[in-house]
Protein backbone atom coordinates (compact mmCIF):
# COMPACT_ATOMS: atom_id res chain seq x y z
CA MET A 1 -11.25 -11.95 -6.45
CA LYS A 2 -11.09 -15.69 -7.21
CA PRO A 3 -8.24 -17.90 -5.93
CA GLY A 4 -5.45 -18.26 -8.51
CA SER A 5 -1.69 -18.50 -8.82
CA PRO A 6 0.37 -15.45 -7.78
CA ARG A 7 2.74 -16.24 -10.66
CA ALA A 8 -0.20 -15.90 -13.05
CA TRP A 9 -1.27 -12.56 -11.56
CA MET A 10 -1.46 -9.86 -14.24
CA TYR A 11 1.81 -7.97 -14.01
CA SER A 12 3.87 -5.92 -16.42
CA ALA A 13 6.73 -3.58 -15.56
CA ASN A 14 5.18 -1.06 -17.96
CA ALA A 15 2.05 -0.99 -15.79
CA SER A 16 3.81 -1.31 -12.39
CA PRO A 17 2.46 -1.84 -9.80
CA GLU A 18 -1.04 -2.33 -11.16
CA PRO A 19 -3.25 -4.20 -11.01
CA LEU A 20 -3.37 -4.57 -7.24
CA PRO A 21 -5.99 -6.67 -5.40
CA LYS A 22 -9.08 -4.76 -4.30
CA VAL A 23 -9.93 -7.02 -1.37
CA ALA A 24 -8.12 -8.54 1.63
CA TRP A 25 -5.91 -11.47 0.62
CA LEU A 26 -3.15 -13.93 1.51
CA HIS A 27 -1.16 -16.26 -0.70
CA ASN A 28 1.18 -19.20 -0.80
CA MET A 29 3.38 -20.10 -3.74
CA SER A 30 0.55 -21.76 -5.63
CA THR A 31 -2.58 -19.78 -4.77
CA ILE A 32 -3.88 -16.32 -3.88
CA PHE A 33 -6.71 -16.63 -1.36
CA PRO A 34 -9.29 -13.90 -0.77
CA ILE A 35 -9.98 -13.10 2.87
CA SER A 36 -13.52 -12.56 4.15
CA THR A 37 -13.95 -9.90 6.86
CA ASP A 38 -16.77 -10.00 9.35
CA GLU A 39 -19.97 -8.72 7.72
CA ASP A 40 -20.86 -6.43 10.63
CA PHE A 41 -17.41 -4.79 10.66
CA THR A 42 -17.09 -5.29 14.40
CA ILE A 43 -13.51 -4.04 14.85
CA ALA A 44 -14.54 -0.61 16.19
CA ASP A 45 -16.73 2.41 15.50
CA ALA A 46 -15.89 4.78 12.65
CA ASN A 47 -13.29 7.42 13.57
CA LYS A 48 -12.35 5.65 16.81
CA GLU A 49 -8.58 5.27 17.17
CA ILE A 50 -7.24 1.74 17.60
CA ASP A 51 -3.75 0.27 18.04
CA ARG A 52 -1.78 -2.51 16.40
CA LYS A 53 -2.87 -5.14 18.94
CA ARG A 54 -6.56 -4.58 18.19
CA VAL A 55 -6.01 -4.56 14.42
CA ALA A 56 -3.95 -7.79 14.59
CA GLU A 57 -6.65 -9.52 16.63
CA TRP A 58 -9.33 -8.48 14.18
CA VAL A 59 -7.40 -9.45 11.06
CA GLY A 60 -6.39 -12.75 12.64
CA SER A 61 -10.07 -13.66 13.01
CA HIS A 62 -10.76 -13.24 9.26
CA THR A 63 -11.71 -16.29 7.20
CA ILE A 64 -9.57 -17.51 4.30
CA ILE A 65 -11.63 -18.58 1.27
CA GLY A 66 -10.61 -21.65 -0.74
CA LYS A 67 -10.82 -22.38 -4.47
CA LYS A 68 -14.39 -23.71 -4.22
CA GLY A 69 -15.61 -20.97 -1.91
CA GLU A 70 -15.08 -23.08 1.18
CA SER A 71 -13.68 -21.81 4.46
CA LEU A 72 -10.03 -22.69 5.09
CA GLY A 73 -10.22 -21.40 8.66
CA SER A 74 -9.12 -18.14 10.19
CA ILE A 75 -5.82 -16.39 9.49
CA ASP A 76 -4.71 -17.20 13.05
CA GLU A 77 -5.39 -20.88 12.39
CA TRP A 78 -3.66 -20.77 8.97
CA LEU A 79 -0.51 -19.19 10.41
CA SER A 80 -0.42 -21.68 13.28
CA ASN A 81 -1.06 -24.74 11.08
CA ASN A 82 1.71 -23.66 8.70
CA SER A 83 4.22 -22.82 11.47
CA LYS A 84 4.25 -19.12 10.56
CA THR A 85 4.73 -16.08 12.80
CA PRO A 86 1.48 -15.26 14.66
CA MET A 87 -0.36 -12.00 14.05
CA SER A 88 0.59 -10.74 17.51
CA GLU A 89 4.27 -10.63 16.46
CA ARG A 90 3.79 -8.98 13.08
CA MET A 91 4.22 -5.32 12.14
CA MET A 92 1.91 -3.11 10.06
CA LEU A 93 3.40 -1.83 6.79
CA ILE A 94 1.72 0.31 4.13
CA VAL A 95 2.44 -1.26 0.72
CA PRO A 96 1.36 1.28 -1.94
CA GLY A 97 3.37 -0.20 -4.82
CA GLU A 98 4.97 -3.43 -6.03
CA LEU A 99 5.38 -4.82 -2.51
CA GLY A 100 1.60 -5.13 -2.51
CA ASN A 101 1.48 -7.05 -5.79
CA PRO A 102 1.02 -10.88 -5.55
CA TYR A 103 3.40 -11.52 -8.48
CA ARG A 104 6.18 -9.48 -6.91
CA LEU A 105 5.79 -11.00 -3.45
CA ALA A 106 5.97 -14.53 -4.88
CA ASP A 107 8.98 -13.46 -6.98
CA ILE A 108 10.95 -12.47 -3.88
CA GLY A 109 9.82 -15.54 -1.93
CA ILE A 110 7.32 -13.99 0.47
CA THR A 111 4.18 -16.00 1.28
CA ASP A 112 1.56 -16.25 4.03
CA LEU A 113 1.41 -12.46 4.33
CA PRO A 114 -2.04 -11.04 5.25
CA ILE A 115 -2.88 -7.83 3.37
CA ILE A 116 -6.02 -5.71 3.79
CA PRO A 117 -7.37 -2.61 2.05
CA ILE A 118 -7.11 0.68 3.93
CA ARG A 119 -8.01 4.30 3.30
CA MET A 120 -5.59 7.23 3.42
CA ASP A 121 -6.73 10.80 3.99
CA GLY A 122 -4.40 13.76 3.45
CA ILE A 123 -1.84 11.45 1.81
CA CYS A 124 -1.50 10.29 -1.80
CA ARG A 125 0.49 7.72 -3.75
CA THR A 126 3.03 9.25 -6.10
CA TYR A 127 6.23 8.34 -7.99
CA THR A 128 9.89 8.66 -7.11
CA ASP A 129 12.22 10.68 -9.29
CA VAL A 130 14.53 7.70 -9.87
CA MET A 131 14.07 4.49 -11.86
CA ASP A 132 14.64 0.82 -11.16
CA GLY A 133 16.12 -0.74 -14.30
CA ARG A 134 16.35 -4.35 -13.15
CA GLU A 135 13.57 -5.65 -15.41
CA ILE A 136 12.96 -3.02 -18.04
CA GLN A 137 14.82 -0.08 -19.57
CA PRO A 138 14.93 2.74 -18.82
CA GLY A 139 13.21 1.52 -15.66
CA VAL A 140 10.24 1.47 -13.32
CA HIS A 141 9.28 4.39 -11.09
CA HIS A 142 8.44 2.95 -7.68
CA ILE A 143 5.69 4.43 -5.55
CA THR A 144 6.13 6.53 -2.43
CA LEU A 145 3.85 8.82 -0.42
CA ALA A 146 3.30 12.58 -0.22
CA ARG A 147 0.95 14.89 1.62
CA SER A 148 -2.10 16.06 -0.30
CA LYS A 149 -4.55 18.46 1.33
CA GLY A 150 -8.14 17.23 1.27
CA TRP A 151 -7.19 14.03 -0.58
CA TRP A 152 -8.45 10.49 -0.01
CA GLU A 153 -7.64 7.17 -1.68
CA LYS A 154 -7.39 3.44 -1.00
CA THR A 155 -4.19 1.45 -0.65
CA GLN A 156 -3.02 -1.70 1.18
CA LEU A 157 -1.75 -2.59 4.62
CA ALA A 158 0.47 -5.67 5.02
CA PHE A 159 1.37 -7.60 8.17
CA PRO A 160 4.92 -8.92 7.63
CA ASP A 161 7.07 -10.61 10.25
CA LYS A 162 10.67 -9.49 10.72
CA ASN A 163 12.10 -11.84 8.10
CA GLN A 164 9.49 -10.79 5.50
CA ALA A 165 10.15 -7.13 6.24
CA ARG A 166 13.87 -7.72 5.76
CA LYS A 167 13.26 -9.38 2.37
CA MET A 168 11.08 -6.44 1.33
CA SER A 169 13.79 -3.97 2.33
CA GLU A 170 16.45 -5.91 0.43
CA TRP A 171 14.34 -6.06 -2.70
CA ILE A 172 13.24 -2.41 -2.80
CA ASN A 173 16.87 -1.39 -2.18
CA ASN A 174 18.12 -3.80 -4.85
CA GLY A 175 20.20 -5.70 -2.32
CA ARG A 176 22.42 -2.74 -1.49
CA GLY A 177 22.27 0.73 -0.06
CA THR A 178 19.60 2.36 2.04
CA ASN A 179 17.77 4.60 -0.40
CA TRP A 180 14.46 3.29 0.95
CA LEU A 181 14.14 3.48 4.74
CA TRP A 182 11.51 2.62 7.31
CA GLN A 183 9.57 5.70 8.36
CA THR A 184 6.67 6.43 10.71
CA LEU A 185 4.28 9.04 9.36
CA ASP A 186 3.51 12.18 11.31
CA GLU A 187 0.59 13.38 9.24
CA GLY A 188 -2.47 12.06 7.45
CA ILE A 189 -5.18 9.63 8.55
CA ILE A 190 -5.02 5.87 8.00
CA SER A 191 -8.29 4.04 8.52
CA ILE A 192 -9.72 0.60 7.96
CA THR A 193 -12.53 0.66 5.42
CA ASN A 194 -15.36 -1.61 4.38
CA ASP A 195 -16.26 0.68 1.48
CA LEU A 196 -14.23 -0.79 -1.35
CA ASP A 197 -15.91 1.23 -4.09
CA PHE A 198 -15.44 4.85 -3.01
CA GLU A 199 -14.09 7.08 -5.75
CA THR A 200 -10.79 8.92 -5.48
CA PRO A 201 -10.82 12.61 -6.52
CA SER A 202 -10.46 13.25 -10.25
CA ARG A 203 -7.77 15.48 -11.74
CA GLU A 204 -10.43 18.13 -12.37
CA MET A 205 -11.22 18.31 -8.64
CA LEU A 206 -7.72 19.52 -7.78
CA GLU A 207 -7.35 23.22 -7.02
CA TRP A 208 -4.00 24.90 -7.62
CA ASP A 209 -2.89 28.44 -6.70
CA GLY A 210 0.64 28.16 -8.08
CA VAL A 211 2.03 27.10 -4.71
CA GLU A 212 -0.33 24.56 -3.16
CA GLU A 213 -2.79 21.92 -4.37
CA TRP A 214 -5.92 20.92 -2.52
CA ILE A 215 -9.34 19.30 -2.90
CA GLU A 216 -12.21 21.66 -2.22
CA LYS A 217 -14.92 18.98 -2.15
CA ALA A 218 -15.56 17.35 1.20
CA ALA A 219 -14.23 13.81 1.52
CA PRO A 220 -16.66 10.90 1.96
CA PRO A 221 -17.19 10.10 5.66
CA ILE A 222 -14.60 7.72 7.11
CA SER A 223 -16.36 4.35 7.47
CA GLY A 224 -14.02 2.57 9.88
CA PRO A 225 -11.66 3.04 12.81
CA ILE A 226 -8.47 5.06 12.56
CA ILE A 227 -5.14 3.34 13.16
CA ASN A 228 -2.62 5.03 15.45
CA LEU A 229 0.17 6.33 13.19
CA ASN A 230 2.81 5.28 15.74
CA ASP A 231 1.97 1.64 14.94
CA ILE A 232 2.36 1.90 11.15
CA THR A 233 5.52 1.99 9.05
CA VAL A 234 6.16 2.61 5.36
CA PHE A 235 9.20 2.55 3.06
CA LEU A 236 9.98 6.07 1.80
CA HIS A 237 12.64 6.97 -0.78
CA THR A 238 14.87 9.10 1.41
CA ARG A 239 17.79 9.61 -0.97
CA GLN A 240 15.85 12.05 -3.12
CA GLY A 241 12.09 11.96 -2.80
CA ILE A 242 9.04 12.38 -5.00
CA TYR A 243 8.83 13.51 -8.59
CA ASN A 244 8.23 17.26 -8.83
CA HIS A 245 5.73 17.92 -11.64
CA ARG A 246 6.40 21.65 -12.11
CA GLY A 247 5.59 22.25 -8.45
CA ARG A 248 2.73 19.79 -8.34
CA VAL A 249 2.35 16.14 -7.31
CA ALA A 250 1.86 13.44 -9.98
CA ARG A 251 -0.69 11.19 -8.30
CA CYS A 252 -0.64 7.52 -9.32
CA VAL A 253 -4.41 7.33 -9.74
CA HIS A 254 -4.22 10.06 -12.41
CA TYR A 255 -1.08 8.93 -14.20
CA PRO A 256 -0.44 5.20 -14.69
CA GLN A 257 3.23 4.15 -14.88
CA ARG A 258 3.62 4.33 -18.66
CA VAL A 259 1.64 7.56 -19.05
CA PHE A 260 3.66 9.17 -16.26
CA HIS A 261 7.01 8.25 -17.82
CA LEU A 262 6.13 9.24 -21.39
CA GLU A 263 4.08 12.37 -20.78
CA LEU A 264 5.34 13.90 -17.51
CA TYR A 265 8.72 12.63 -16.47
CA ARG A 266 11.77 14.89 -16.75
CA ARG A 267 14.97 13.53 -15.22
CA GLY A 268 16.34 15.45 -12.26
CA SER A 269 13.11 17.02 -11.07
CA ALA A 270 12.52 16.04 -7.44
CA THR A 271 11.06 17.32 -4.21
CA GLN A 272 13.12 16.30 -1.19
CA TRP A 273 11.32 13.48 0.62
CA ASP A 274 11.10 15.26 4.00
CA ALA A 275 9.57 18.28 2.31
CA ALA A 276 6.91 16.06 0.72
CA ILE A 277 5.68 14.40 3.92
CA ASN A 278 6.28 14.69 7.65
CA THR A 279 7.68 11.73 9.58
CA LYS A 280 8.56 11.06 13.22
């Protein structure tokens, strides 16, 4: 990813939330900067559990890359030089949808937010049953999470401070109500990955017995440390839940926004959120 303006990032409500960055990044109002991780991936051994403090220290040491490929210093240095909240005081938030899109973050006035790629096992990205009609009619289906046996895919982990998290909550809830609430997951595996090219299961790989879906094929080995679930939060749509595709889950990697709405969506078909995924 080359540095460029977040306002010029490719975004369309019809394709929401794609495209999303594939690498670690941070932005200000004028530029998106890629972040370079350490080449030897020194954070911890694969499958070893780590906590928020260790993750924050590791991410804070990453190098920000400028427009000409030059080093702009570490994230810790950037945050300090720009009088921003240090990594040690930031939370970890999974951002599977528009809150992980540079255009959207700039639109709601959030900058200087480190975001890194992560891997999810046993959890998938899927759509809510309701629509957000603020920018397009009939609306955008925002992304939430659901359990998915044997599944693996990549998403993003953000490190907002309290004020940034509040802005995110206000935007996703359209400035009113509490349809989207903070939740701590009680299932699945969240790991840091340096394998940015692993393939997510295809639609054909899904098994279905009329009650449950699963992936029979073994998942690729986890390449990085596992983050303690107690240290991670995510916004889940707790008013209703996920879209129920005739008993199955409509995974975002298989059905882009427009395809999902035109070919699958039937209003009023939902699985209650706490039946779709376990939380603490």
